[in-house]
Amino acid sequence: MTIAEVSKKYGVTADTLRYYERIGIIPPVPRTSGGIRDYDEDSCRWIELMKCLRSAGVQIEALIEYSALCRQGGGAEERRREILMEQREQLLGRMAEMQKSLDRLNYKIENYDRILREKGGIRTPSGYPDSGKSENMR
């Protein structure tokens, strides 16, 4: 696949793909005899993994280290696992903070729904989870 095809398929700019390759987040991409990148299945799997990990907020530095360890082959499995576990813990922390924010937003929306209902202004839309939060979430 060409860089344009890969860019379109994965929603990543060509510049980002070149950058990922340059800094070692993805292994060197095979090239045609003319020097044009020719992404194979393995290259695409790396892109999918790195896109997933970046979407999860994994730091570039961790991805560089992880990728380098993978390319070294066997013997670094423990460190690779540690990197992924560290990143998972950070992601879980961010998710917990996001859940707190969502709970607070839901509470505020429910509070305004209640106020407006009492004034006869709106009918509460369904689909909002009951936050069960107390008045102190203002």
C-alpha atoms as a PDB file:
ATOM      1  CA  MET A   1       0.000   0.000   0.000  1.00  0.00           C
ATOM      2  CA  THR A   2       1.187   3.513  -0.670  1.00  0.00           C
ATOM      3  CA  ILE A   3       1.510   6.119   2.057  1.00  0.00           C
ATOM      4  CA  ALA A   4      -1.596   7.867   0.686  1.00  0.00           C
ATOM      5  CA  GLU A   5      -3.623   4.644   0.899  1.00  0.00           C
ATOM      6  CA  VAL A   6      -2.411   3.916   4.434  1.00  0.00           C
ATOM      7  CA  SER A   7      -3.061   7.514   5.455  1.00  0.00           C
ATOM      8  CA  LYS A   8      -6.635   7.291   4.222  1.00  0.00           C
ATOM      9  CA  LYS A   9      -7.252   3.812   5.662  1.00  0.00           C
ATOM     10  CA  TYR A  10      -6.077   4.686   9.185  1.00  0.00           C
ATOM     11  CA  GLY A  11      -6.932   8.374   9.324  1.00  0.00           C
ATOM     12  CA  VAL A  12      -3.325   9.357   9.954  1.00  0.00           C
ATOM     13  CA  THR A  13      -1.555  11.999   7.897  1.00  0.00           C
ATOM     14  CA  ALA A  14       1.341  11.040   5.661  1.00  0.00           C
ATOM     15  CA  ASP A  15       3.539  13.383   7.709  1.00  0.00           C
ATOM     16  CA  THR A  16       2.604  11.507  10.891  1.00  0.00           C
ATOM     17  CA  LEU A  17       3.407   8.166   9.260  1.00  0.00           C
ATOM     18  CA  ARG A  18       6.815   9.458   8.165  1.00  0.00           C
ATOM     19  CA  TYR A  19       7.397  10.889  11.657  1.00  0.00           C
ATOM     20  CA  TYR A  20       6.464   7.609  13.357  1.00  0.00           C
ATOM     21  CA  GLU A  21       8.918   5.779  11.123  1.00  0.00           C
ATOM     22  CA  ARG A  22      11.679   8.387  11.612  1.00  0.00           C
ATOM     23  CA  ILE A  23      11.525   8.264  15.426  1.00  0.00           C
ATOM     24  CA  GLY A  24      11.152   4.486  15.560  1.00  0.00           C
ATOM     25  CA  ILE A  25       7.548   4.085  16.676  1.00  0.00           C
ATOM     26  CA  ILE A  26       6.976   1.894  13.646  1.00  0.00           C
ATOM     27  CA  PRO A  27       9.745  -0.184  12.077  1.00  0.00           C
ATOM     28  CA  PRO A  28      11.256   0.925   8.773  1.00  0.00           C
ATOM     29  CA  VAL A  29       8.668   0.486   6.044  1.00  0.00           C
ATOM     30  CA  PRO A  30       9.677  -1.636   3.030  1.00  0.00           C
ATOM     31  CA  ARG A  31      10.393   0.365  -0.100  1.00  0.00           C
ATOM     32  CA  THR A  32       9.951  -0.224  -3.792  1.00  0.00           C
ATOM     33  CA  SER A  33      12.973  -0.298  -6.065  1.00  0.00           C
ATOM     34  CA  GLY A  34      12.266   3.396  -6.666  1.00  0.00           C
ATOM     35  CA  GLY A  35      12.473   4.161  -2.921  1.00  0.00           C
ATOM     36  CA  ILE A  36       8.728   4.678  -2.391  1.00  0.00           C
ATOM     37  CA  ARG A  37       7.257   3.342   0.837  1.00  0.00           C
ATOM     38  CA  ASP A  38       5.290   0.135   0.282  1.00  0.00           C
ATOM     39  CA  TYR A  39       3.360  -0.659   3.460  1.00  0.00           C
ATOM     40  CA  ASP A  40       2.884  -4.387   3.996  1.00  0.00           C
ATOM     41  CA  GLU A  41       0.652  -6.227   6.490  1.00  0.00           C
ATOM     42  CA  ASP A  42       3.266  -6.052   9.222  1.00  0.00           C
ATOM     43  CA  SER A  43       3.670  -2.285   8.760  1.00  0.00           C
ATOM     44  CA  CYS A  44      -0.096  -1.852   8.911  1.00  0.00           C
ATOM     45  CA  ARG A  45      -0.338  -3.904  12.113  1.00  0.00           C
ATOM     46  CA  TRP A  46       2.268  -1.617  13.696  1.00  0.00           C
ATOM     47  CA  ILE A  47       0.305   1.446  12.595  1.00  0.00           C
ATOM     48  CA  GLU A  48      -2.917   0.004  14.044  1.00  0.00           C
ATOM     49  CA  LEU A  49      -1.193  -0.737  17.362  1.00  0.00           C
ATOM     50  CA  MET A  50       0.486   2.649  17.612  1.00  0.00           C
ATOM     51  CA  LYS A  51      -2.703   4.478  16.642  1.00  0.00           C
ATOM     52  CA  CYS A  52      -4.579   2.555  19.346  1.00  0.00           C
ATOM     53  CA  LEU A  53      -1.938   3.273  21.966  1.00  0.00           C
ATOM     54  CA  ARG A  54      -1.716   6.966  21.018  1.00  0.00           C
ATOM     55  CA  SER A  55      -5.513   7.222  21.213  1.00  0.00           C
ATOM     56  CA  ALA A  56      -5.235   5.815  24.721  1.00  0.00           C
ATOM     57  CA  GLY A  57      -2.817   8.618  25.577  1.00  0.00           C
ATOM     58  CA  VAL A  58       0.364   6.564  25.671  1.00  0.00           C
ATOM     59  CA  GLN A  59       3.381   8.868  25.601  1.00  0.00           C
ATOM     60  CA  ILE A  60       5.628   8.943  22.530  1.00  0.00           C
ATOM     61  CA  GLU A  61       8.664   8.080  24.662  1.00  0.00           C
ATOM     62  CA  ALA A  62       6.999   4.901  25.929  1.00  0.00           C
ATOM     63  CA  LEU A  63       6.070   3.930  22.368  1.00  0.00           C
ATOM     64  CA  ILE A  64       9.634   4.448  21.176  1.00  0.00           C
ATOM     65  CA  GLU A  65      10.981   2.252  23.963  1.00  0.00           C
ATOM     66  CA  TYR A  66       8.305  -0.391  23.451  1.00  0.00           C
ATOM     67  CA  SER A  67       8.873  -0.515  19.687  1.00  0.00           C
ATOM     68  CA  ALA A  68      12.639  -0.749  20.087  1.00  0.00           C
ATOM     69  CA  LEU A  69      12.272  -3.619  22.546  1.00  0.00           C
ATOM     70  CA  CYS A  70       9.916  -5.453  20.175  1.00  0.00           C
ATOM     71  CA  ARG A  71      12.377  -5.125  17.316  1.00  0.00           C
ATOM     72  CA  GLN A  72      15.149  -6.560  19.519  1.00  0.00           C
ATOM     73  CA  GLY A  73      13.245  -9.816  19.636  1.00  0.00           C
ATOM     74  CA  GLY A  74      13.063 -12.198  22.555  1.00  0.00           C
ATOM     75  CA  GLY A  75      14.443 -11.486  25.979  1.00  0.00           C
ATOM     76  CA  ALA A  76      12.698  -8.182  26.661  1.00  0.00           C
ATOM     77  CA  GLU A  77       9.198  -9.480  27.264  1.00  0.00           C
ATOM     78  CA  GLU A  78       9.217  -8.508  30.930  1.00  0.00           C
ATOM     79  CA  ARG A  79      10.100  -4.868  30.189  1.00  0.00           C
ATOM     80  CA  ARG A  80       7.574  -4.715  27.332  1.00  0.00           C
ATOM     81  CA  ARG A  81       4.918  -5.997  29.713  1.00  0.00           C
ATOM     82  CA  GLU A  82       5.960  -3.428  32.338  1.00  0.00           C
ATOM     83  CA  ILE A  83       5.620  -0.600  29.820  1.00  0.00           C
ATOM     84  CA  LEU A  84       2.122  -1.730  28.865  1.00  0.00           C
ATOM     85  CA  MET A  85       1.114  -2.180  32.499  1.00  0.00           C
ATOM     86  CA  GLU A  86       2.393   1.305  33.399  1.00  0.00           C
ATOM     87  CA  GLN A  87       0.481   2.799  30.513  1.00  0.00           C
ATOM     88  CA  ARG A  88      -2.649   0.865  31.463  1.00  0.00           C
ATOM     89  CA  GLU A  89      -2.489   2.271  34.997  1.00  0.00           C
ATOM     90  CA  GLN A  90      -2.152   5.797  33.645  1.00  0.00           C
ATOM     91  CA  LEU A  91      -5.091   5.221  31.290  1.00  0.00           C
ATOM     92  CA  LEU A  92      -7.237   3.858  34.121  1.00  0.00           C
ATOM     93  CA  GLY A  93      -6.446   6.971  36.133  1.00  0.00           C
ATOM     94  CA  ARG A  94      -7.470   9.234  33.254  1.00  0.00           C
ATOM     95  CA  MET A  95     -10.647   7.206  32.768  1.00  0.00           C
ATOM     96  CA  ALA A  96     -11.523   7.566  36.453  1.00  0.00           C
ATOM     97  CA  GLU A  97     -11.062  11.338  36.211  1.00  0.00           C
ATOM     98  CA  MET A  98     -13.202  11.438  33.079  1.00  0.00           C
ATOM     99  CA  GLN A  99     -15.902   9.411  34.839  1.00  0.00           C
ATOM    100  CA  LYS A 100     -15.912  11.924  37.698  1.00  0.00           C
ATOM    101  CA  SER A 101     -16.314  14.728  35.171  1.00  0.00           C
ATOM    102  CA  LEU A 102     -19.129  12.880  33.415  1.00  0.00           C
ATOM    103  CA  ASP A 103     -20.869  12.213  36.721  1.00  0.00           C
ATOM    104  CA  ARG A 104     -20.674  15.893  37.589  1.00  0.00           C
ATOM    105  CA  LEU A 105     -22.014  16.957  34.190  1.00  0.00           C
ATOM    106  CA  ASN A 106     -24.878  14.477  34.468  1.00  0.00           C
ATOM    107  CA  TYR A 107     -25.675  15.773  37.934  1.00  0.00           C
ATOM    108  CA  LYS A 108     -25.732  19.375  36.731  1.00  0.00           C
ATOM    109  CA  ILE A 109     -27.933  18.509  33.748  1.00  0.00           C
ATOM    110  CA  GLU A 110     -30.320  16.570  35.983  1.00  0.00           C
ATOM    111  CA  ASN A 111     -30.429  19.499  38.405  1.00  0.00           C
ATOM    112  CA  TYR A 112     -31.339  21.930  35.627  1.00  0.00           C
ATOM    113  CA  ASP A 113     -33.884  19.455  34.262  1.00  0.00           C
ATOM    114  CA  ARG A 114     -35.499  19.325  37.711  1.00  0.00           C
ATOM    115  CA  ILE A 115     -35.559  23.121  38.023  1.00  0.00           C
ATOM    116  CA  LEU A 116     -37.022  23.555  34.544  1.00  0.00           C
ATOM    117  CA  ARG A 117     -39.609  20.803  35.121  1.00  0.00           C
ATOM    118  CA  GLU A 118     -40.732  22.549  38.290  1.00  0.00           C
ATOM    119  CA  LYS A 119     -41.165  25.728  36.259  1.00  0.00           C
ATOM    120  CA  GLY A 120     -42.996  23.738  33.582  1.00  0.00           C
ATOM    121  CA  GLY A 121     -40.341  24.548  31.013  1.00  0.00           C
ATOM    122  CA  ILE A 122     -39.150  21.155  29.744  1.00  0.00           C
ATOM    123  CA  ARG A 123     -39.817  17.490  29.755  1.00  0.00           C
ATOM    124  CA  THR A 124     -36.740  15.548  30.876  1.00  0.00           C
ATOM    125  CA  PRO A 125     -35.148  13.635  28.011  1.00  0.00           C
ATOM    126  CA  SER A 126     -34.529   9.981  28.620  1.00  0.00           C
ATOM    127  CA  GLY A 127     -31.119   8.422  28.254  1.00  0.00           C
ATOM    128  CA  TYR A 128     -29.279  10.268  31.000  1.00  0.00           C
ATOM    129  CA  PRO A 129     -28.005   7.913  33.658  1.00  0.00           C
ATOM    130  CA  ASP A 130     -29.095   8.652  37.178  1.00  0.00           C
ATOM    131  CA  SER A 131     -25.933   9.946  38.795  1.00  0.00           C
ATOM    132  CA  GLY A 132     -27.206   9.545  42.333  1.00  0.00           C
ATOM    133  CA  LYS A 133     -24.899  12.400  43.336  1.00  0.00           C
ATOM    134  CA  SER A 134     -25.642  14.765  46.143  1.00  0.00           C
ATOM    135  CA  GLU A 135     -26.301  18.512  46.037  1.00  0.00           C
ATOM    136  CA  ASN A 136     -22.644  19.256  46.827  1.00  0.00           C
ATOM    137  CA  MET A 137     -21.583  18.601  43.209  1.00  0.00           C
ATOM    138  CA  ARG A 138     -22.374  22.163  42.115  1.00  0.00           C
END
